[in-house]
Amino acid sequence: QVQLVESGGGLVQAGGSLRLSCADSQRTFGRYAIGWFRQAPGKEREFVAAISWRGGSRNYADSVKGRFTISRDNAKNTRYLQMNTLRPEDTAVYYCAASVQWPTRATSQKHEYDYWGQGTQVTVSS
């Protein structure tokens, strides 16, 4: 069982940076891809970024390309989302998710993820 815990959210001014972390609290060290998604109030959960198990494949939503970077350190059992040049429209709850069924793909499809964290709030003020 993979149990994901996000951290690193908070309040930041537009143009600032945050780094989100996603750890597997059960330390399963399993083979799974990681995705980051976000959900703003009144909107559907949307894809942000994904990385395959070994990190060889990465995928980004167009809205964050060039500003966000996804990475992972399997030895530390932690994955990261570095967010730079933040905008007010990036405000949302950010979730990390694990895809056990597609570990070698950096998929953007929510239904291909098996486990989800509880989310961390990111608020960007203008």
Protein backbone atom coordinates (compact mmCIF):
# COMPACT_ATOMS: atom_id res chain seq x y z
CA GLN A 1 0.00 0.00 0.00
CA VAL A 2 1.37 3.37 -1.03
CA GLN A 3 0.48 6.27 1.23
CA LEU A 4 1.53 9.64 -0.12
CA VAL A 5 2.04 12.75 1.96
CA GLU A 6 2.52 16.15 0.35
CA SER A 7 4.25 19.10 1.98
CA GLY A 8 5.69 22.46 1.07
CA GLY A 9 2.57 24.41 0.20
CA GLY A 10 1.92 27.91 1.45
CA LEU A 11 1.30 31.53 0.58
CA VAL A 12 3.63 33.27 -1.86
CA GLN A 13 3.57 36.45 -3.89
CA ALA A 14 3.30 36.35 -7.66
CA GLY A 15 6.70 35.73 -9.20
CA GLY A 16 7.86 33.73 -6.21
CA SER A 17 8.78 30.07 -5.85
CA LEU A 18 7.76 27.05 -3.83
CA ARG A 19 8.95 23.47 -3.76
CA LEU A 20 6.42 20.77 -3.03
CA SER A 21 7.47 17.37 -1.74
CA CYS A 22 5.70 14.04 -1.91
CA ALA A 23 6.81 11.18 0.31
CA ASP A 24 5.58 7.63 0.63
CA SER A 25 4.92 7.35 4.35
CA GLN A 26 5.00 3.55 4.18
CA ARG A 27 8.42 3.62 2.51
CA THR A 28 7.42 0.89 0.10
CA PHE A 29 10.08 1.92 -2.45
CA GLY A 30 7.81 0.43 -5.06
CA ARG A 31 7.98 0.96 -8.81
CA TYR A 32 5.53 3.68 -9.69
CA ALA A 33 5.29 6.84 -11.69
CA ILE A 34 4.40 10.05 -9.88
CA GLY A 35 2.04 12.73 -11.04
CA TRP A 36 1.16 16.12 -9.66
CA PHE A 37 -2.35 17.45 -10.11
CA ARG A 38 -4.11 20.53 -8.82
CA GLN A 39 -7.65 21.59 -8.12
CA ALA A 40 -8.84 25.16 -7.78
CA PRO A 41 -12.19 26.00 -6.15
CA GLY A 42 -15.07 25.21 -8.47
CA LYS A 43 -12.83 23.54 -11.04
CA GLU A 44 -11.96 19.99 -11.94
CA ARG A 45 -8.70 18.44 -10.87
CA GLU A 46 -6.16 19.00 -13.61
CA PHE A 47 -2.84 17.53 -14.58
CA VAL A 48 0.31 19.50 -13.77
CA ALA A 49 3.34 17.25 -14.24
CA ALA A 50 4.42 13.62 -14.15
CA ILE A 51 7.62 11.60 -13.99
CA SER A 52 8.25 7.94 -14.66
CA TRP A 53 9.70 5.57 -12.11
CA ARG A 54 13.33 6.03 -13.13
CA GLY A 55 12.85 9.64 -14.14
CA GLY A 56 13.52 9.05 -17.81
CA SER A 57 10.15 10.37 -18.93
CA ARG A 58 8.64 13.67 -17.82
CA ASN A 59 5.47 15.36 -18.89
CA TYR A 60 4.14 18.85 -18.19
CA ALA A 61 0.91 20.70 -18.73
CA ASP A 62 1.34 23.55 -21.19
CA SER A 63 0.38 26.05 -18.51
CA VAL A 64 3.43 25.19 -16.38
CA LYS A 65 6.09 24.36 -18.96
CA GLY A 66 9.24 26.35 -18.38
CA ARG A 67 8.15 27.32 -14.85
CA PHE A 68 7.69 24.01 -13.00
CA THR A 69 10.13 21.12 -12.72
CA ILE A 70 9.28 17.64 -11.50
CA SER A 71 11.98 15.39 -10.07
CA ARG A 72 12.39 12.41 -7.80
CA ASP A 73 14.96 10.93 -5.45
CA ASN A 74 14.07 7.27 -5.08
CA ALA A 75 16.80 6.71 -2.51
CA LYS A 76 15.12 9.31 -0.30
CA ASN A 77 11.67 8.07 -1.23
CA THR A 78 10.69 11.62 -2.09
CA ARG A 79 9.45 13.42 -5.21
CA TYR A 80 9.44 17.12 -5.83
CA LEU A 81 7.66 19.79 -7.77
CA GLN A 82 9.74 22.95 -8.04
CA MET A 83 7.45 25.84 -8.93
CA ASN A 84 8.98 29.10 -10.13
CA THR A 85 7.51 32.34 -11.43
CA LEU A 86 4.23 31.55 -9.73
CA ARG A 87 1.05 33.25 -10.88
CA PRO A 88 -2.26 33.85 -9.10
CA GLU A 89 -3.87 31.31 -11.43
CA ASP A 90 -1.58 28.64 -9.96
CA THR A 91 -3.54 28.89 -6.72
CA ALA A 92 -5.00 25.47 -5.95
CA VAL A 93 -4.72 22.39 -3.79
CA TYR A 94 -1.87 20.32 -5.19
CA TYR A 95 -2.00 16.53 -5.05
CA CYS A 96 0.62 13.94 -5.79
CA ALA A 97 -0.42 10.56 -7.09
CA ALA A 98 1.26 7.22 -7.78
CA SER A 99 0.69 5.07 -10.85
CA VAL A 100 1.54 1.47 -10.08
CA GLN A 101 -0.08 0.20 -13.27
CA TRP A 102 2.04 2.43 -15.54
CA PRO A 103 5.41 2.93 -13.80
CA THR A 104 7.35 3.69 -16.96
CA ARG A 105 4.92 6.30 -18.28
CA ALA A 106 4.60 9.92 -17.22
CA THR A 107 0.89 9.83 -17.79
CA SER A 108 -1.40 12.83 -17.52
CA GLN A 109 -4.56 10.73 -17.11
CA LYS A 110 -6.10 10.81 -13.63
CA HIS A 111 -7.66 7.37 -14.00
CA GLU A 112 -4.23 5.82 -14.50
CA TYR A 113 -3.18 6.75 -10.98
CA ASP A 114 -3.85 4.32 -8.16
CA TYR A 115 -2.96 6.23 -4.99
CA TRP A 116 -3.44 9.86 -4.03
CA GLY A 117 -2.21 12.10 -1.26
CA GLN A 118 -4.39 14.45 0.76
CA GLY A 119 -3.14 17.57 -0.96
CA THR A 120 -1.34 20.75 0.04
CA GLN A 121 -2.64 24.28 -0.48
CA VAL A 122 -0.73 26.71 -2.67
CA THR A 123 -1.91 30.31 -2.68
CA VAL A 124 -0.33 32.91 -4.94
CA SER A 125 -1.19 36.53 -4.19
CA SER A 126 -1.11 39.22 -6.83
